[in-house]
Amino acid sequence: MARFHPLRVAAVDRLTDDAVALTFDVPAELRAEYRFAPGQHLALRREVDGTEIRRTYSVCSPALEPDGPEQLRVGVRMVEGGAFSPYAHKEIAVDDVLEVMTPAGRFTLEPRPGHYAAIVGGSGITPVLSIVATLLAREPSARFCLIRSDRTAASTMFLEEVADLKDRYPTRFQLVTVFSREDQQAGVVTGRLDEERLTELLPALLPVEDIAGWFLCGPFGLVQGTERALRSLGVGRARIHEEIFHVDNGAPAPTATAPAPAPAHSTVTATLDGRSGTWPVQDGEALLDTVLRNRADAPYACKGGVCGTCRAFLVAGEVRMDRNFALEPEETEAGYVLACQSHPATEKVELDFDR
């Protein structure tokens, strides 16, 4: 089970005008708990006016320490009007102590031989930086192509870290940079990476059919457009891995299950950390909120159907999900749901958070 622990801030590094990197010290006794797979994220929490706020940020450091990390680094991009990022940019300082959840997430790549590729936008570079750095360091035969889209060079996060990887692995790491609002002297033409453009660009850059895994991360529009481009090029869904960092309010909300009428009265039974309980679901309440009223240790972060922290196995009953931007099709087919987006469609629902 994911747990929060207080971690000391060891460094606050400004990456761009609107992005910072936070580095946390991990005490020796907690390193095993914070062992992470490259691509996973951390949830940070704080309390504002009596309300708990949680936000997830991906680990950008490589996973190279078998006994667990001595430090963890995450990237935080400013979101205007956000509940956490302005605090991270303006108030967090070295020696502050923050509540940090142990790593979670399935947008990962355990190092193994093969040729891999990623297409990222903006802060979508954060988990992929960890994936690339870990893969190239731990698997000498692996290769990686990174296609990244940013507004301008000045707004590009982890510019030096990516350049260092290119210098360190010149024959195994291919880097393609596209700016949407700035002309380049050489390389790919300036502009947005949309479905049509990617369909033409990708076969010219690399052998699409030979790529063992595609990792797409960033805004909803970029990820969805890239998936459509890859599918049109014959890439099977099993080779495409996605993590969405931002969903526009006008974006369609994919659901994992067809709508079903809500029962007049319903209960949810939930298993957490080996202990089970059964509670009534209030009218209109998401199952996660029901569980949280009775078990404060229920895992969650964004409550928006994006991060996947609240994933649970549906043991019995039926649910309807409002949104699902986190679970892969094979996960929903296997019976997993997002508790934060799930509402009961039968009188009795049973969830298992431990599976």
Protein backbone atom coordinates (compact mmCIF):
# COMPACT_ATOMS: atom_id res chain seq x y z
CA MET A 1 0.00 0.00 0.00
CA ALA A 2 1.15 3.52 -0.79
CA ARG A 3 1.99 5.56 2.31
CA PHE A 4 2.99 9.14 3.06
CA HIS A 5 6.21 10.00 4.88
CA PRO A 6 7.73 13.39 5.71
CA LEU A 7 10.76 14.04 3.47
CA ARG A 8 13.23 16.92 3.64
CA VAL A 9 13.66 19.16 0.60
CA ALA A 10 17.35 18.95 -0.35
CA ALA A 11 17.27 21.26 -3.39
CA VAL A 12 14.97 23.55 -5.35
CA ASP A 13 16.28 24.10 -8.89
CA ARG A 14 14.69 26.52 -11.31
CA LEU A 15 14.45 24.85 -14.73
CA THR A 16 12.59 27.56 -16.65
CA ASP A 17 10.57 30.65 -15.79
CA ASP A 18 7.60 28.41 -15.02
CA ALA A 19 9.14 25.11 -13.89
CA VAL A 20 11.19 23.93 -10.92
CA ALA A 21 12.72 20.64 -9.80
CA LEU A 22 12.33 19.53 -6.19
CA THR A 23 14.84 17.07 -4.72
CA PHE A 24 13.98 15.13 -1.56
CA ASP A 25 16.33 13.29 0.78
CA VAL A 26 15.21 9.74 1.53
CA PRO A 27 16.31 8.42 4.96
CA ALA A 28 18.07 5.06 4.94
CA GLU A 29 15.19 3.36 6.75
CA LEU A 30 12.71 4.43 4.05
CA ARG A 31 14.74 3.74 0.91
CA ALA A 32 13.18 0.33 0.32
CA GLU A 33 9.70 1.90 0.45
CA TYR A 34 10.69 4.56 -2.08
CA ARG A 35 12.27 2.12 -4.53
CA PHE A 36 10.66 3.04 -7.85
CA ALA A 37 10.33 1.84 -11.40
CA PRO A 38 11.43 4.39 -14.03
CA GLY A 39 8.35 6.36 -15.07
CA GLN A 40 6.51 6.26 -11.72
CA HIS A 41 5.24 9.31 -9.85
CA LEU A 42 4.97 10.67 -6.31
CA ALA A 43 1.97 12.35 -4.71
CA LEU A 44 2.69 15.42 -2.58
CA ARG A 45 0.15 16.71 -0.11
CA ARG A 46 -0.48 19.83 1.95
CA GLU A 47 -3.38 21.27 3.90
CA VAL A 48 -4.98 24.59 2.96
CA ASP A 49 -7.70 26.07 5.18
CA GLY A 50 -8.46 22.64 6.60
CA THR A 51 -8.67 20.97 3.17
CA GLU A 52 -6.14 18.35 2.11
CA ILE A 53 -4.67 18.90 -1.36
CA ARG A 54 -2.74 16.22 -3.26
CA ARG A 55 -0.91 16.49 -6.57
CA THR A 56 1.20 13.96 -8.45
CA TYR A 57 4.58 14.65 -10.03
CA SER A 58 6.74 12.17 -11.91
CA VAL A 59 10.18 11.14 -10.72
CA CYS A 60 12.75 12.39 -13.23
CA SER A 61 15.86 10.79 -11.73
CA PRO A 62 17.10 7.39 -12.98
CA ALA A 63 16.37 4.22 -11.01
CA LEU A 64 19.94 2.98 -10.51
CA GLU A 65 20.14 2.14 -6.79
CA PRO A 66 18.99 -1.45 -6.11
CA ASP A 67 18.41 -0.80 -2.40
CA GLY A 68 16.31 2.30 -3.05
CA PRO A 69 17.16 5.94 -3.78
CA GLU A 70 19.08 8.26 -1.49
CA GLN A 71 17.27 11.14 -3.21
CA LEU A 72 14.18 11.63 -5.36
CA ARG A 73 13.72 14.44 -7.86
CA VAL A 74 10.46 15.61 -9.44
CA GLY A 75 9.62 18.35 -11.92
CA VAL A 76 6.81 20.84 -11.22
CA ARG A 77 5.44 23.13 -13.92
CA MET A 78 3.42 26.18 -12.88
CA VAL A 79 -0.33 25.95 -13.47
CA GLU A 80 -2.05 29.32 -13.22
CA GLY A 81 -4.65 29.14 -10.49
CA GLY A 82 -3.35 25.74 -9.42
CA ALA A 83 -3.67 24.52 -5.85
CA PHE A 84 -0.10 23.24 -5.46
CA SER A 85 2.27 24.43 -8.20
CA PRO A 86 2.28 28.14 -7.16
CA TYR A 87 3.19 27.00 -3.65
CA ALA A 88 6.01 24.87 -5.05
CA HIS A 89 7.36 27.76 -7.10
CA LYS A 90 7.07 30.57 -4.59
CA GLU A 91 7.22 29.07 -1.09
CA ILE A 92 9.00 25.72 -0.91
CA ALA A 93 12.63 26.09 0.18
CA VAL A 94 15.56 23.87 1.09
CA ASP A 95 15.11 22.17 4.50
CA ASP A 96 11.30 22.34 4.28
CA VAL A 97 9.60 19.03 5.04
CA LEU A 98 6.81 17.79 2.76
CA GLU A 99 4.47 14.82 2.96
CA VAL A 100 5.43 12.54 0.07
CA MET A 101 3.64 9.34 -0.95
CA THR A 102 5.61 6.26 -1.90
CA PRO A 103 5.93 5.73 -5.69
CA ALA A 104 2.97 4.64 -7.81
CA GLY A 105 2.03 4.39 -11.47
CA ARG A 106 2.26 1.91 -14.36
CA PHE A 107 3.70 4.15 -17.09
CA THR A 108 7.00 2.32 -16.74
CA LEU A 109 9.71 0.48 -18.62
CA GLU A 110 11.92 -2.01 -16.83
CA PRO A 111 15.27 -2.06 -18.68
CA ARG A 112 15.53 -4.76 -21.32
CA PRO A 113 17.00 -5.06 -24.83
CA GLY A 114 15.17 -3.39 -27.69
CA HIS A 115 14.57 -0.17 -29.59
CA TYR A 116 12.11 2.18 -27.86
CA ALA A 117 10.64 5.59 -28.59
CA ALA A 118 8.80 8.36 -26.77
CA ILE A 119 6.79 11.33 -27.96
CA VAL A 120 6.30 13.92 -25.24
CA GLY A 121 4.95 17.42 -24.86
CA GLY A 122 6.04 19.99 -22.27
CA SER A 123 6.29 18.52 -18.77
CA GLY A 124 5.62 15.09 -20.27
CA ILE A 125 9.41 14.81 -20.47
CA THR A 126 9.59 14.21 -16.71
CA PRO A 127 8.80 10.46 -16.44
CA VAL A 128 10.41 9.75 -19.81
CA LEU A 129 13.68 11.30 -18.64
CA SER A 130 13.80 8.69 -15.89
CA ILE A 131 12.88 5.92 -18.35
CA VAL A 132 15.55 6.89 -20.89
CA ALA A 133 18.36 7.48 -18.38
CA THR A 134 17.65 4.20 -16.59
CA LEU A 135 17.34 2.14 -19.78
CA LEU A 136 20.54 3.41 -21.40
CA ALA A 137 22.56 3.03 -18.19
CA ARG A 138 21.36 -0.46 -17.30
CA GLU A 139 20.88 -2.11 -20.72
CA PRO A 140 23.93 -1.66 -23.02
CA SER A 141 22.14 -3.03 -26.09
CA ALA A 142 19.04 -0.82 -25.84
CA ARG A 143 18.34 2.21 -28.03
CA PHE A 144 15.90 5.06 -27.55
CA CYS A 145 14.41 7.79 -29.76
CA LEU A 146 12.96 10.81 -27.96
CA ILE A 147 10.72 13.20 -29.88
CA ARG A 148 9.84 16.16 -27.69
CA SER A 149 7.58 19.12 -28.37
CA ASP A 150 7.89 22.42 -26.49
CA ARG A 151 6.75 25.97 -27.06
CA THR A 152 10.25 27.51 -27.13
CA ALA A 153 13.79 26.62 -26.10
CA ALA A 154 13.41 28.83 -23.02
CA SER A 155 10.35 26.88 -21.87
CA THR A 156 11.99 23.46 -22.28
CA MET A 157 12.32 21.49 -19.04
CA PHE A 158 15.46 19.42 -18.35
CA LEU A 159 17.25 20.77 -21.41
CA GLU A 160 20.72 20.14 -19.96
CA GLU A 161 19.86 16.68 -18.65
CA VAL A 162 18.64 15.53 -22.06
CA ALA A 163 21.66 17.06 -23.78
CA ASP A 164 23.92 15.18 -21.36
CA LEU A 165 22.26 11.90 -22.32
CA LYS A 166 22.84 12.69 -26.00
CA ASP A 167 26.55 13.34 -25.30
CA ARG A 168 26.88 10.21 -23.17
CA TYR A 169 25.10 7.82 -25.57
CA PRO A 170 25.57 9.34 -29.05
CA THR A 171 24.95 6.08 -30.95
CA ARG A 172 22.08 4.79 -28.83
CA PHE A 173 20.06 7.92 -28.09
CA GLN A 174 18.28 9.80 -30.89
CA LEU A 175 16.85 13.21 -30.00
CA VAL A 176 14.35 15.18 -32.09
CA THR A 177 13.17 18.55 -30.77
CA VAL A 178 10.18 20.46 -32.15
CA PHE A 179 9.21 23.99 -31.09
CA SER A 180 5.64 25.11 -31.68
CA ARG A 181 6.30 28.85 -31.27
CA GLU A 182 9.93 29.33 -32.25
CA ASP A 183 11.82 28.90 -35.52
CA GLN A 184 14.79 26.54 -35.59
CA GLN A 185 17.93 26.93 -37.65
CA ALA A 186 17.98 23.24 -38.53
CA GLY A 187 16.07 20.03 -37.95
CA VAL A 188 12.34 19.46 -37.89
CA VAL A 189 10.14 22.31 -39.07
CA THR A 190 8.50 24.44 -36.39
CA GLY A 191 4.87 23.75 -35.49
CA ARG A 192 2.52 21.53 -33.51
CA LEU A 193 2.87 17.77 -33.65
CA ASP A 194 -0.59 16.68 -34.75
CA GLU A 195 -1.82 13.38 -36.14
CA GLU A 196 -1.28 14.26 -39.81
CA ARG A 197 2.22 15.56 -39.25
CA LEU A 198 3.29 12.61 -37.11
CA THR A 199 1.96 10.13 -39.65
CA GLU A 200 4.38 11.60 -42.18
CA LEU A 201 7.26 12.30 -39.79
CA LEU A 202 7.63 9.06 -37.85
CA PRO A 203 8.47 6.69 -40.76
CA ALA A 204 11.13 9.17 -41.89
CA LEU A 205 12.79 9.22 -38.48
CA LEU A 206 12.88 5.58 -37.39
CA PRO A 207 11.69 2.06 -38.28
CA VAL A 208 8.19 2.26 -36.85
CA GLU A 209 7.53 -1.47 -37.14
CA ASP A 210 10.68 -2.35 -35.14
CA ILE A 211 9.97 -0.20 -32.07
CA ALA A 212 9.34 -2.46 -29.07
CA GLY A 213 7.44 0.15 -27.07
CA TRP A 214 6.07 3.66 -27.63
CA PHE A 215 5.73 5.98 -24.62
CA LEU A 216 3.39 8.95 -25.06
CA CYS A 217 3.20 11.59 -22.35
CA GLY A 218 1.87 15.12 -22.18
CA PRO A 219 -1.38 16.97 -22.92
CA PHE A 220 -4.47 15.00 -23.90
CA GLY A 221 -4.54 16.29 -27.49
CA LEU A 222 -0.93 15.34 -28.22
CA VAL A 223 -1.25 11.86 -26.70
CA GLN A 224 -4.50 11.05 -28.50
CA GLY A 225 -3.27 12.44 -31.84
CA THR A 226 -0.06 10.44 -31.55
CA GLU A 227 -1.93 7.24 -30.74
CA ARG A 228 -4.11 7.67 -33.83
CA ALA A 229 -1.02 8.29 -35.96
CA LEU A 230 0.70 5.17 -34.64
CA ARG A 231 -2.38 3.00 -35.14
CA SER A 232 -2.66 4.24 -38.73
CA LEU A 233 0.96 3.15 -39.22
CA GLY A 234 0.14 -0.37 -38.06
CA VAL A 235 1.37 -0.19 -34.45
CA GLY A 236 -0.58 -2.54 -32.16
CA ARG A 237 -2.24 -1.09 -29.06
CA ALA A 238 -0.16 -3.35 -26.78
CA ARG A 239 3.01 -1.51 -27.82
CA ILE A 240 1.59 1.94 -26.98
CA HIS A 241 1.85 3.25 -23.40
CA GLU A 242 0.23 6.54 -22.39
CA GLU A 243 0.23 9.00 -19.53
CA ILE A 244 -1.77 12.21 -19.76
CA PHE A 245 -0.52 15.23 -17.83
CA HIS A 246 -3.25 17.71 -18.68
CA VAL A 247 -6.83 17.33 -19.86
CA ASP A 248 -8.57 20.38 -21.32
CA ASN A 249 -12.04 21.04 -19.98
CA GLY A 250 -13.45 20.57 -23.46
CA ALA A 251 -11.76 17.22 -24.04
CA PRO A 252 -13.99 14.17 -24.39
CA ALA A 253 -14.07 12.04 -21.27
CA PRO A 254 -13.53 8.40 -22.23
CA THR A 255 -15.33 5.97 -19.97
CA ALA A 256 -14.44 2.39 -19.19
CA THR A 257 -18.00 1.13 -18.79
CA ALA A 258 -21.35 1.92 -20.35
CA PRO A 259 -23.67 4.13 -18.30
CA ALA A 260 -26.02 2.25 -15.99
CA PRO A 261 -28.83 3.46 -13.74
CA ALA A 262 -27.86 3.99 -10.11
CA PRO A 263 -29.63 1.83 -7.51
CA ALA A 264 -31.72 3.57 -4.85
CA HIS A 265 -29.50 2.20 -2.09
CA SER A 266 -26.07 0.65 -2.38
CA THR A 267 -23.07 -0.40 -0.30
CA VAL A 268 -19.39 -0.79 -1.07
CA THR A 269 -17.10 -3.36 0.49
CA ALA A 270 -13.44 -2.43 0.20
CA THR A 271 -10.25 -4.29 1.07
CA LEU A 272 -7.29 -2.11 2.00
CA ASP A 273 -3.99 -3.34 3.36
CA GLY A 274 -5.54 -6.70 4.19
CA ARG A 275 -8.54 -5.28 6.11
CA SER A 276 -12.10 -5.09 4.77
CA GLY A 277 -15.15 -3.02 5.60
CA THR A 278 -18.64 -2.39 4.20
CA TRP A 279 -20.30 1.03 4.13
CA PRO A 280 -23.37 2.72 2.59
CA VAL A 281 -22.79 4.91 -0.46
CA GLN A 282 -24.35 8.36 -0.24
CA ASP A 283 -26.41 9.66 -3.15
CA GLY A 284 -24.16 10.70 -6.05
CA GLU A 285 -21.00 9.84 -4.17
CA ALA A 286 -17.97 8.28 -5.88
CA LEU A 287 -16.87 5.01 -4.31
CA LEU A 288 -13.51 6.49 -3.32
CA ASP A 289 -15.25 9.16 -1.25
CA THR A 290 -17.32 6.52 0.51
CA VAL A 291 -14.19 4.57 1.40
CA LEU A 292 -12.33 7.72 2.50
CA ARG A 293 -15.09 8.62 4.95
CA ASN A 294 -14.29 5.37 6.73
CA ARG A 295 -10.68 4.62 5.80
CA ALA A 296 -8.43 7.69 5.52
CA ASP A 297 -5.62 5.51 4.14
CA ALA A 298 -7.39 4.85 0.81
CA PRO A 299 -4.96 5.69 -2.00
CA TYR A 300 -5.67 8.67 -4.26
CA ALA A 301 -4.01 11.76 -5.67
CA CYS A 302 -5.73 13.71 -8.45
CA LYS A 303 -9.39 12.57 -8.14
CA GLY A 304 -9.70 13.46 -11.81
CA GLY A 305 -9.33 10.08 -13.47
CA VAL A 306 -5.82 10.94 -14.71
CA CYS A 307 -3.15 9.60 -12.34
CA GLY A 308 -4.47 6.08 -11.64
CA THR A 309 -3.42 6.09 -7.98
CA CYS A 310 -6.89 4.95 -6.85
CA ARG A 311 -6.98 1.90 -9.13
CA ALA A 312 -8.90 -1.00 -7.57
CA PHE A 313 -10.03 -4.44 -8.68
CA LEU A 314 -13.79 -4.87 -9.04
CA VAL A 315 -14.44 -8.11 -7.15
CA ALA A 316 -18.23 -8.05 -7.34
CA GLY A 317 -21.06 -5.88 -8.61
CA GLU A 318 -21.06 -3.30 -11.39
CA VAL A 319 -19.96 0.32 -11.57
CA ARG A 320 -20.05 3.18 -14.04
CA MET A 321 -16.98 5.36 -14.50
CA ASP A 322 -17.36 9.03 -15.38
CA ARG A 323 -13.83 9.41 -16.78
CA ASN A 324 -10.83 7.21 -17.43
CA PHE A 325 -7.61 8.77 -18.67
CA ALA A 326 -5.36 6.43 -16.63
CA LEU A 327 -6.20 2.76 -17.15
CA GLU A 328 -5.07 0.84 -20.22
CA PRO A 329 -7.76 -1.16 -22.10
CA GLU A 330 -6.26 -4.43 -20.88
CA GLU A 331 -6.60 -3.21 -17.27
CA THR A 332 -10.30 -2.41 -17.58
CA GLU A 333 -10.86 -5.70 -19.40
CA ALA A 334 -9.15 -7.47 -16.49
CA GLY A 335 -11.61 -5.85 -14.04
CA TYR A 336 -9.80 -2.76 -12.74
CA VAL A 337 -11.59 0.56 -12.17
CA LEU A 338 -10.74 4.04 -10.93
CA ALA A 339 -12.41 4.40 -7.54
CA CYS A 340 -12.48 8.20 -7.78
CA GLN A 341 -14.62 8.02 -10.94
CA SER A 342 -16.72 4.95 -10.10
CA HIS A 343 -20.36 5.01 -8.99
CA PRO A 344 -22.38 1.93 -8.02
CA ALA A 345 -24.61 0.40 -10.70
CA THR A 346 -25.70 -2.47 -8.43
CA GLU A 347 -26.84 -2.56 -4.82
CA LYS A 348 -23.62 -4.22 -3.70
CA VAL A 349 -20.13 -3.41 -4.98
CA GLU A 350 -16.87 -4.91 -3.77
CA LEU A 351 -13.43 -3.39 -4.45
CA ASP A 352 -9.95 -4.68 -3.66
CA PHE A 353 -7.22 -2.02 -3.49
CA ASP A 354 -4.55 -4.60 -2.66
CA ARG A 355 -4.51 -6.46 -5.99
